[in-house]
Amino acid sequence: MKTSRLFLIMVLLNYSFESAIADLVVVTNQNNSIQELSREQVVYLFTGREQNFPNGNLAFPIDHIVDSTLRSDFYLLLLGKTVAQVNAYWARLMFTGNATPPKVLPSVEAVQNEVRENLYAISYLDESSVDNRLKVVYRLK
């Protein structure tokens, strides 16, 4: 009986965790010509391995503040890494001068506004924060 309760609790916790972060999407400006990105393309853009969208236009990745739940969920889902691990990665790259990390903005509203105003900006949001001036190009799963 205790084993089945423990199993049920674990299942519910796992479901709750997945539900809490299942609605994260990667967005661009509505007028950006990119319609869809692959997981690999999103990884490359947010890790500095690629600076351009697949069509050749320069991409401007936008990050949320370090202690943001969105940021931790995004990197956990996309890379399987914690924010601390991602920060360590960027520290190494910046030391060698090989790449520049995404611009960090202080709030969801600031991220939304930056993507709305910059044709080549790309970021991530909870899907409920997406309006008609933003375009979903990838859904995190």
N, C-alpha and C. Protein backbone atom coordinates (compact mmCIF):
# COMPACT_ATOMS: atom_id res chain seq x y z
N MET A 1 0.82 -1.20 0.00
CA MET A 1 0.00 0.00 0.00
C MET A 1 0.86 1.27 0.00
N LYS A 2 1.92 1.28 0.83
CA LYS A 2 2.80 2.44 0.87
C LYS A 2 3.52 2.64 -0.46
N THR A 3 3.89 1.54 -1.09
CA THR A 3 4.57 1.62 -2.37
C THR A 3 3.67 2.24 -3.43
N SER A 4 2.42 1.86 -3.45
CA SER A 4 1.51 2.42 -4.46
C SER A 4 1.24 3.90 -4.19
N ARG A 5 1.18 4.30 -2.93
CA ARG A 5 1.01 5.73 -2.62
C ARG A 5 2.23 6.52 -3.07
N LEU A 6 3.41 5.98 -2.78
CA LEU A 6 4.64 6.65 -3.18
C LEU A 6 4.70 6.78 -4.70
N PHE A 7 4.33 5.72 -5.40
CA PHE A 7 4.32 5.74 -6.86
C PHE A 7 3.34 6.81 -7.37
N LEU A 8 2.15 6.86 -6.79
CA LEU A 8 1.16 7.85 -7.19
C LEU A 8 1.66 9.27 -6.95
N ILE A 9 2.30 9.51 -5.83
CA ILE A 9 2.85 10.82 -5.53
C ILE A 9 3.92 11.20 -6.54
N MET A 10 4.78 10.24 -6.88
CA MET A 10 5.84 10.50 -7.85
C MET A 10 5.24 10.82 -9.23
N VAL A 11 4.23 10.09 -9.63
CA VAL A 11 3.58 10.34 -10.91
C VAL A 11 2.95 11.72 -10.93
N LEU A 12 2.26 12.08 -9.86
CA LEU A 12 1.61 13.39 -9.79
C LEU A 12 2.63 14.52 -9.78
N LEU A 13 3.73 14.34 -9.06
CA LEU A 13 4.77 15.36 -9.04
C LEU A 13 5.38 15.53 -10.42
N ASN A 14 5.65 14.43 -11.10
CA ASN A 14 6.21 14.49 -12.44
C ASN A 14 5.23 15.18 -13.39
N TYR A 15 3.96 14.82 -13.33
CA TYR A 15 2.94 15.45 -14.17
C TYR A 15 2.86 16.94 -13.87
N SER A 16 2.89 17.28 -12.59
CA SER A 16 2.80 18.68 -12.19
C SER A 16 4.00 19.46 -12.73
N PHE A 17 5.21 18.88 -12.65
CA PHE A 17 6.42 19.54 -13.15
C PHE A 17 6.31 19.75 -14.65
N GLU A 18 5.93 18.71 -15.38
CA GLU A 18 5.82 18.82 -16.83
C GLU A 18 4.75 19.81 -17.23
N SER A 19 3.65 19.83 -16.51
CA SER A 19 2.56 20.76 -16.83
C SER A 19 2.99 22.20 -16.59
N ALA A 20 3.80 22.41 -15.57
CA ALA A 20 4.20 23.77 -15.22
C ALA A 20 5.10 24.39 -16.28
N ILE A 21 5.87 23.57 -16.98
CA ILE A 21 6.80 24.13 -17.95
C ILE A 21 6.48 23.72 -19.39
N ALA A 22 5.37 23.06 -19.59
CA ALA A 22 5.06 22.52 -20.92
C ALA A 22 4.62 23.59 -21.91
N ASP A 23 4.32 24.79 -21.46
CA ASP A 23 3.80 25.81 -22.36
C ASP A 23 4.84 26.84 -22.79
N LEU A 24 6.12 26.52 -22.68
CA LEU A 24 7.16 27.45 -23.11
C LEU A 24 7.31 27.40 -24.63
N VAL A 25 7.40 28.59 -25.23
CA VAL A 25 7.55 28.69 -26.68
C VAL A 25 8.67 29.68 -27.00
N VAL A 26 9.28 29.49 -28.15
CA VAL A 26 10.28 30.43 -28.66
C VAL A 26 9.56 31.33 -29.64
N VAL A 27 9.81 32.64 -29.52
CA VAL A 27 9.08 33.62 -30.32
C VAL A 27 10.02 34.58 -31.05
N THR A 28 9.53 35.08 -32.17
CA THR A 28 10.19 36.15 -32.91
C THR A 28 9.15 37.24 -33.17
N ASN A 29 9.61 38.31 -33.77
CA ASN A 29 8.72 39.37 -34.21
C ASN A 29 7.76 38.80 -35.25
N GLN A 30 6.53 39.24 -35.22
CA GLN A 30 5.51 38.74 -36.14
C GLN A 30 5.92 38.90 -37.61
N ASN A 31 6.69 39.94 -37.91
CA ASN A 31 7.08 40.21 -39.29
C ASN A 31 8.39 39.53 -39.72
N ASN A 32 9.01 38.78 -38.81
CA ASN A 32 10.21 38.03 -39.18
C ASN A 32 9.81 36.95 -40.18
N SER A 33 10.61 36.76 -41.21
CA SER A 33 10.26 35.80 -42.26
C SER A 33 10.41 34.34 -41.82
N ILE A 34 11.08 34.11 -40.71
CA ILE A 34 11.22 32.74 -40.19
C ILE A 34 9.86 32.26 -39.71
N GLN A 35 9.45 31.10 -40.17
CA GLN A 35 8.16 30.53 -39.77
C GLN A 35 8.31 29.47 -38.68
N GLU A 36 9.44 28.77 -38.70
CA GLU A 36 9.64 27.67 -37.76
C GLU A 36 11.13 27.41 -37.61
N LEU A 37 11.53 27.01 -36.41
CA LEU A 37 12.91 26.61 -36.14
C LEU A 37 12.92 25.21 -35.57
N SER A 38 14.00 24.50 -35.80
CA SER A 38 14.18 23.18 -35.19
C SER A 38 14.79 23.35 -33.80
N ARG A 39 14.75 22.31 -33.02
CA ARG A 39 15.37 22.33 -31.70
C ARG A 39 16.85 22.68 -31.82
N GLU A 40 17.52 22.04 -32.77
CA GLU A 40 18.95 22.29 -32.97
C GLU A 40 19.22 23.75 -33.30
N GLN A 41 18.41 24.36 -34.14
CA GLN A 41 18.59 25.77 -34.49
C GLN A 41 18.41 26.68 -33.28
N VAL A 42 17.42 26.37 -32.44
CA VAL A 42 17.20 27.15 -31.22
C VAL A 42 18.40 26.99 -30.29
N VAL A 43 18.87 25.76 -30.12
CA VAL A 43 20.05 25.52 -29.28
C VAL A 43 21.23 26.35 -29.79
N TYR A 44 21.49 26.30 -31.08
CA TYR A 44 22.63 27.02 -31.65
C TYR A 44 22.50 28.53 -31.45
N LEU A 45 21.31 29.07 -31.60
CA LEU A 45 21.12 30.52 -31.43
C LEU A 45 21.32 30.95 -29.98
N PHE A 46 20.82 30.14 -29.04
CA PHE A 46 20.91 30.53 -27.62
C PHE A 46 22.21 30.10 -26.94
N THR A 47 23.08 29.40 -27.67
CA THR A 47 24.39 29.04 -27.11
C THR A 47 25.52 29.72 -27.87
N GLY A 48 25.18 30.59 -28.79
CA GLY A 48 26.20 31.34 -29.52
C GLY A 48 26.91 30.56 -30.61
N ARG A 49 26.49 29.34 -30.86
CA ARG A 49 27.13 28.56 -31.94
C ARG A 49 26.74 29.10 -33.31
N GLU A 50 25.61 29.78 -33.35
CA GLU A 50 25.12 30.38 -34.60
C GLU A 50 24.62 31.78 -34.26
N GLN A 51 24.96 32.75 -35.11
CA GLN A 51 24.52 34.12 -34.88
C GLN A 51 23.43 34.55 -35.86
N ASN A 52 23.12 33.68 -36.80
CA ASN A 52 22.16 34.04 -37.84
C ASN A 52 20.99 33.05 -37.88
N PHE A 53 19.83 33.58 -38.28
CA PHE A 53 18.69 32.72 -38.57
C PHE A 53 19.04 31.89 -39.81
N PRO A 54 18.31 30.81 -40.06
CA PRO A 54 18.58 29.99 -41.24
C PRO A 54 18.54 30.76 -42.57
N ASN A 55 17.81 31.88 -42.62
CA ASN A 55 17.73 32.67 -43.85
C ASN A 55 18.90 33.64 -44.00
N GLY A 56 19.82 33.64 -43.05
CA GLY A 56 21.00 34.50 -43.11
C GLY A 56 20.90 35.79 -42.34
N ASN A 57 19.71 36.19 -41.92
CA ASN A 57 19.56 37.41 -41.13
C ASN A 57 20.15 37.22 -39.74
N LEU A 58 20.79 38.26 -39.23
CA LEU A 58 21.37 38.24 -37.91
C LEU A 58 20.27 38.06 -36.86
N ALA A 59 20.50 37.19 -35.89
CA ALA A 59 19.53 36.95 -34.81
C ALA A 59 20.01 37.64 -33.54
N PHE A 60 19.07 38.18 -32.78
CA PHE A 60 19.37 38.82 -31.50
C PHE A 60 18.65 38.08 -30.38
N PRO A 61 19.29 37.05 -29.81
CA PRO A 61 18.65 36.31 -28.71
C PRO A 61 18.47 37.19 -27.48
N ILE A 62 17.33 37.05 -26.85
CA ILE A 62 16.99 37.80 -25.64
C ILE A 62 16.73 36.80 -24.52
N ASP A 63 17.36 37.04 -23.38
CA ASP A 63 17.21 36.17 -22.21
C ASP A 63 16.45 36.90 -21.12
N HIS A 64 15.88 36.14 -20.21
CA HIS A 64 15.24 36.69 -19.02
C HIS A 64 16.28 36.79 -17.91
N ILE A 65 15.95 37.51 -16.84
CA ILE A 65 16.90 37.68 -15.74
C ILE A 65 17.27 36.32 -15.14
N VAL A 66 18.43 36.27 -14.50
CA VAL A 66 19.01 35.02 -14.01
C VAL A 66 18.08 34.26 -13.07
N ASP A 67 17.39 34.95 -12.19
CA ASP A 67 16.55 34.24 -11.21
C ASP A 67 15.13 33.99 -11.71
N SER A 68 14.91 34.17 -13.00
CA SER A 68 13.59 33.95 -13.58
C SER A 68 13.28 32.45 -13.70
N THR A 69 12.08 32.08 -13.32
CA THR A 69 11.63 30.70 -13.50
C THR A 69 11.57 30.35 -14.98
N LEU A 70 11.16 31.30 -15.80
CA LEU A 70 11.14 31.06 -17.25
C LEU A 70 12.51 30.67 -17.76
N ARG A 71 13.53 31.39 -17.30
CA ARG A 71 14.90 31.11 -17.75
C ARG A 71 15.35 29.72 -17.31
N SER A 72 15.13 29.39 -16.06
CA SER A 72 15.56 28.07 -15.58
C SER A 72 14.81 26.96 -16.30
N ASP A 73 13.50 27.13 -16.50
CA ASP A 73 12.72 26.12 -17.21
C ASP A 73 13.17 25.99 -18.66
N PHE A 74 13.43 27.12 -19.31
CA PHE A 74 13.85 27.12 -20.71
C PHE A 74 15.14 26.32 -20.90
N TYR A 75 16.15 26.63 -20.12
CA TYR A 75 17.44 25.95 -20.30
C TYR A 75 17.39 24.49 -19.83
N LEU A 76 16.56 24.21 -18.86
CA LEU A 76 16.40 22.83 -18.44
C LEU A 76 15.74 22.01 -19.55
N LEU A 77 14.70 22.55 -20.16
CA LEU A 77 14.02 21.85 -21.25
C LEU A 77 14.85 21.79 -22.53
N LEU A 78 15.49 22.89 -22.88
CA LEU A 78 16.22 22.96 -24.14
C LEU A 78 17.55 22.23 -24.08
N LEU A 79 18.31 22.43 -23.01
CA LEU A 79 19.66 21.90 -22.94
C LEU A 79 19.86 20.82 -21.88
N GLY A 80 18.89 20.70 -20.98
CA GLY A 80 19.08 19.78 -19.85
C GLY A 80 20.09 20.33 -18.86
N LYS A 81 20.24 21.65 -18.81
CA LYS A 81 21.23 22.31 -17.96
C LYS A 81 20.56 23.31 -17.03
N THR A 82 21.18 23.52 -15.88
CA THR A 82 20.71 24.55 -14.95
C THR A 82 21.22 25.91 -15.42
N VAL A 83 20.66 26.96 -14.87
CA VAL A 83 21.11 28.31 -15.20
C VAL A 83 22.57 28.47 -14.80
N ALA A 84 22.97 27.91 -13.67
CA ALA A 84 24.38 27.99 -13.24
C ALA A 84 25.31 27.33 -14.27
N GLN A 85 24.90 26.20 -14.81
CA GLN A 85 25.71 25.53 -15.83
C GLN A 85 25.78 26.36 -17.11
N VAL A 86 24.66 26.97 -17.49
CA VAL A 86 24.64 27.81 -18.69
C VAL A 86 25.51 29.05 -18.46
N ASN A 87 25.44 29.64 -17.28
CA ASN A 87 26.27 30.81 -16.97
C ASN A 87 27.76 30.45 -17.02
N ALA A 88 28.11 29.27 -16.52
CA ALA A 88 29.51 28.82 -16.56
C ALA A 88 29.97 28.64 -18.01
N TYR A 89 29.09 28.10 -18.83
CA TYR A 89 29.39 27.94 -20.27
C TYR A 89 29.69 29.30 -20.89
N TRP A 90 28.82 30.29 -20.63
CA TRP A 90 29.02 31.62 -21.20
C TRP A 90 30.28 32.29 -20.65
N ALA A 91 30.58 32.07 -19.39
CA ALA A 91 31.79 32.65 -18.81
C ALA A 91 33.03 32.14 -19.54
N ARG A 92 33.07 30.85 -19.87
CA ARG A 92 34.20 30.29 -20.62
C ARG A 92 34.28 30.91 -22.02
N LEU A 93 33.14 31.00 -22.70
CA LEU A 93 33.14 31.56 -24.05
C LEU A 93 33.53 33.03 -24.06
N MET A 94 33.04 33.78 -23.10
CA MET A 94 33.36 35.21 -23.04
C MET A 94 34.84 35.41 -22.73
N PHE A 95 35.42 34.54 -21.90
CA PHE A 95 36.84 34.64 -21.55
C PHE A 95 37.70 34.47 -22.80
N THR A 96 37.30 33.57 -23.68
CA THR A 96 38.06 33.33 -24.90
C THR A 96 37.69 34.31 -26.01
N GLY A 97 36.64 35.08 -25.81
CA GLY A 97 36.21 36.06 -26.81
C GLY A 97 35.50 35.44 -28.00
N ASN A 98 35.01 34.21 -27.83
CA ASN A 98 34.40 33.50 -28.95
C ASN A 98 32.92 33.78 -29.18
N ALA A 99 32.24 34.34 -28.22
CA ALA A 99 30.82 34.59 -28.39
C ALA A 99 30.32 35.58 -27.35
N THR A 100 29.14 36.11 -27.61
CA THR A 100 28.48 37.04 -26.69
C THR A 100 27.16 36.42 -26.26
N PRO A 101 26.88 36.40 -24.96
CA PRO A 101 25.62 35.80 -24.50
C PRO A 101 24.41 36.63 -24.92
N PRO A 102 23.23 36.02 -24.86
CA PRO A 102 22.02 36.78 -25.18
C PRO A 102 21.87 38.00 -24.27
N LYS A 103 21.25 39.03 -24.81
CA LYS A 103 20.93 40.23 -24.03
C LYS A 103 19.93 39.82 -22.94
N VAL A 104 20.14 40.33 -21.74
CA VAL A 104 19.26 40.01 -20.62
C VAL A 104 18.36 41.20 -20.32
N LEU A 105 17.06 40.93 -20.22
CA LEU A 105 16.09 41.97 -19.90
C LEU A 105 15.41 41.65 -18.58
N PRO A 106 14.95 42.67 -17.85
CA PRO A 106 14.51 42.49 -16.47
C PRO A 106 13.10 41.94 -16.24
N SER A 107 12.29 41.86 -17.30
CA SER A 107 10.91 41.41 -17.07
C SER A 107 10.33 40.79 -18.33
N VAL A 108 9.25 40.07 -18.16
CA VAL A 108 8.54 39.48 -19.29
C VAL A 108 8.08 40.59 -20.23
N GLU A 109 7.57 41.67 -19.67
CA GLU A 109 7.09 42.78 -20.47
C GLU A 109 8.22 43.40 -21.31
N ALA A 110 9.39 43.52 -20.71
CA ALA A 110 10.54 44.07 -21.44
C ALA A 110 10.94 43.14 -22.58
N VAL A 111 10.91 41.85 -22.34
CA VAL A 111 11.22 40.87 -23.39
C VAL A 111 10.19 40.96 -24.51
N GLN A 112 8.92 40.98 -24.14
CA GLN A 112 7.87 41.10 -25.15
C GLN A 112 8.07 42.34 -26.01
N ASN A 113 8.30 43.47 -25.37
CA ASN A 113 8.47 44.73 -26.09
C ASN A 113 9.68 44.70 -27.02
N GLU A 114 10.78 44.15 -26.54
CA GLU A 114 11.99 44.06 -27.37
C GLU A 114 11.74 43.22 -28.62
N VAL A 115 11.07 42.10 -28.46
CA VAL A 115 10.80 41.23 -29.61
C VAL A 115 9.79 41.89 -30.55
N ARG A 116 8.81 42.57 -30.00
CA ARG A 116 7.82 43.27 -30.84
C ARG A 116 8.47 44.38 -31.67
N GLU A 117 9.48 45.05 -31.10
CA GLU A 117 10.10 46.21 -31.75
C GLU A 117 11.30 45.86 -32.61
N ASN A 118 11.88 44.68 -32.44
CA ASN A 118 13.09 44.30 -33.16
C ASN A 118 12.78 43.11 -34.07
N LEU A 119 12.80 43.33 -35.35
CA LEU A 119 12.47 42.31 -36.34
C LEU A 119 13.30 41.04 -36.18
N TYR A 120 14.52 41.17 -35.69
CA TYR A 120 15.43 40.02 -35.62
C TYR A 120 15.65 39.47 -34.21
N ALA A 121 14.86 39.96 -33.25
CA ALA A 121 14.96 39.45 -31.88
C ALA A 121 14.30 38.08 -31.80
N ILE A 122 14.81 37.27 -30.88
CA ILE A 122 14.24 35.95 -30.60
C ILE A 122 14.34 35.73 -29.11
N SER A 123 13.28 35.20 -28.52
CA SER A 123 13.28 34.91 -27.10
C SER A 123 12.31 33.78 -26.82
N TYR A 124 12.01 33.60 -25.54
CA TYR A 124 11.10 32.54 -25.11
C TYR A 124 10.15 33.11 -24.07
N LEU A 125 8.94 32.60 -24.11
CA LEU A 125 7.88 33.06 -23.20
C LEU A 125 6.98 31.90 -22.85
N ASP A 126 6.19 32.10 -21.83
CA ASP A 126 5.07 31.21 -21.60
C ASP A 126 4.08 31.50 -22.72
N GLU A 127 3.50 30.46 -23.27
CA GLU A 127 2.60 30.66 -24.42
C GLU A 127 1.46 31.62 -24.12
N SER A 128 1.04 31.71 -22.87
CA SER A 128 -0.05 32.62 -22.51
C SER A 128 0.36 34.09 -22.64
N SER A 129 1.66 34.37 -22.75
CA SER A 129 2.16 35.74 -22.90
C SER A 129 2.33 36.16 -24.35
N VAL A 130 1.99 35.29 -25.29
CA VAL A 130 2.18 35.58 -26.71
C VAL A 130 0.94 36.28 -27.25
N ASP A 131 1.17 37.39 -27.97
CA ASP A 131 0.06 38.10 -28.61
C ASP A 131 0.26 38.11 -30.12
N ASN A 132 -0.57 38.82 -30.84
CA ASN A 132 -0.52 38.79 -32.30
C ASN A 132 0.66 39.56 -32.90
N ARG A 133 1.46 40.20 -32.06
CA ARG A 133 2.66 40.88 -32.56
C ARG A 133 3.91 40.01 -32.41
N LEU A 134 3.69 38.81 -31.88
CA LEU A 134 4.77 37.83 -31.69
C LEU A 134 4.42 36.56 -32.45
N LYS A 135 5.43 35.87 -32.91
CA LYS A 135 5.21 34.64 -33.68
C LYS A 135 5.94 33.48 -32.99
N VAL A 136 5.21 32.39 -32.76
CA VAL A 136 5.81 31.19 -32.19
C VAL A 136 6.54 30.45 -33.30
N VAL A 137 7.85 30.19 -33.08
CA VAL A 137 8.63 29.47 -34.08
C VAL A 137 9.13 28.11 -33.58
N TYR A 138 8.95 27.87 -32.26
CA TYR A 138 9.32 26.57 -31.71
C TYR A 138 8.59 26.37 -30.39
N ARG A 139 8.14 25.16 -30.14
CA ARG A 139 7.50 24.80 -28.86
C ARG A 139 8.38 23.82 -28.12
N LEU A 140 8.72 24.16 -26.88
CA LEU A 140 9.54 23.27 -26.08
C LEU A 140 8.70 22.14 -25.53
N LYS A 141 9.25 20.95 -25.59
CA LYS A 141 8.54 19.76 -25.11
C LYS A 141 9.38 18.99 -24.16
